[in-house]
Protein backbone atom coordinates (compact mmCIF):
# COMPACT_ATOMS: atom_id res chain seq x y z
CA UNK A 1 8.70 -10.51 -4.77
CA UNK A 2 11.37 -7.93 -2.98
CA UNK A 3 11.65 -7.85 0.64
CA UNK A 4 10.44 -5.20 2.48
CA UNK A 5 13.50 -4.13 3.63
CA UNK A 6 15.83 -4.83 0.53
CA UNK A 7 15.91 -1.43 -1.04
CA UNK A 8 14.47 2.11 -0.35
CA UNK A 9 11.64 2.71 -2.33
CA UNK A 10 11.26 6.39 -3.70
CA UNK A 11 7.87 8.72 -3.20
CA UNK A 12 7.75 8.66 -7.10
CA UNK A 13 7.86 5.01 -7.62
CA UNK A 14 5.12 5.07 -4.85
CA UNK A 15 3.21 7.48 -6.74
CA UNK A 16 3.54 5.68 -9.90
CA UNK A 17 2.13 2.22 -8.22
CA UNK A 18 -0.93 3.67 -6.52
CA UNK A 19 -2.10 4.25 -9.95
CA UNK A 20 -4.89 1.60 -10.32
CA UNK A 21 -7.30 0.21 -12.65
CA UNK A 22 -9.99 0.23 -9.96
CA UNK A 23 -11.69 3.90 -9.28
CA UNK A 24 -12.16 2.68 -5.40
CA UNK A 25 -8.64 1.78 -4.74
CA UNK A 26 -7.61 4.60 -6.82
CA UNK A 27 -9.45 7.09 -4.63
CA UNK A 28 -8.43 5.03 -1.24
CA UNK A 29 -4.47 5.25 -2.14
CA UNK A 30 -4.64 8.70 -3.66
CA UNK A 31 -5.85 9.92 -0.33
CA UNK A 32 -3.39 7.66 1.74
CA UNK A 33 -0.49 9.44 -0.04
CA UNK A 34 -1.96 12.68 -0.25
CA UNK A 35 -1.82 12.51 3.64
CA UNK A 36 0.79 10.17 5.16
CA UNK A 37 3.54 9.49 2.12
CA UNK A 38 6.02 12.23 3.90
CA UNK A 39 5.72 10.79 7.25
CA UNK A 40 5.91 7.07 5.99
CA UNK A 41 9.18 4.87 7.15
CA UNK A 42 11.61 3.56 4.86
CA UNK A 43 10.18 0.34 6.06
CA UNK A 44 6.76 1.75 6.05
CA UNK A 45 7.57 2.59 2.21
CA UNK A 46 8.88 -0.66 0.82
CA UNK A 47 5.39 -2.48 3.03
CA UNK A 48 3.38 -0.30 0.89
CA UNK A 49 5.29 -1.26 -2.16
CA UNK A 50 4.87 -4.64 -1.71
CA UNK A 51 1.36 -4.39 -0.74
CA UNK A 52 0.70 -2.60 -4.30
CA UNK A 53 1.85 -5.93 -6.01
CA UNK A 54 -0.87 -7.79 -5.42
CA UNK A 55 -3.76 -7.58 -8.14
CA UNK A 56 -6.59 -4.73 -7.82
CA UNK A 57 -9.13 -6.82 -6.60
CA UNK A 58 -7.29 -8.33 -3.70
CA UNK A 59 -5.99 -5.21 -2.78
CA UNK A 60 -9.51 -3.58 -2.56
CA UNK A 61 -10.57 -6.61 -0.71
CA UNK A 62 -7.70 -6.36 1.78
CA UNK A 63 -7.98 -2.12 1.78
CA UNK A 64 -11.90 -2.99 2.71
CA UNK A 65 -11.44 -5.41 5.60
CA UNK A 66 -13.22 -8.34 3.59
CA UNK A 67 -10.09 -10.33 3.55
CA UNK A 68 -6.97 -10.57 5.81
CA UNK A 69 -3.63 -10.17 4.04
CA UNK A 70 -1.56 -13.24 3.67
CA UNK A 71 1.33 -11.80 4.77
CA UNK A 72 1.34 -10.81 8.69
CA UNK A 73 3.94 -8.32 8.72
CA UNK A 74 2.56 -6.53 6.60
CA UNK A 75 -0.36 -5.85 8.90
CA UNK A 76 0.67 -2.95 9.75
CA UNK A 77 0.75 -0.81 7.10
CA UNK A 78 -2.85 -2.44 6.23
CA UNK A 79 -4.32 -0.83 9.14
CA UNK A 80 -3.07 2.51 7.85
CA UNK A 81 -4.36 2.04 4.63
CA UNK A 82 -7.85 1.14 6.52
CA UNK A 83 -7.82 4.48 8.26
CA UNK A 84 -7.19 6.39 5.52
């Protein structure tokens, strides 16, 4: 998997990867993107893109607080998603 700082992630790429198979996760991610996409730094976009590589069940568990993210450096992005 690419490191969070290896490249810039475009907003369109994030939007595409936020389309998920679980309705609950889809709603959370769409709300987050609508309110925060424009204000995310390049690093935050890369961190979000990295989180989007998790499978739907795991990502929903992380965002809902039922599980902790294995990557502690992504904690800030997880906290932003949980606040959405």
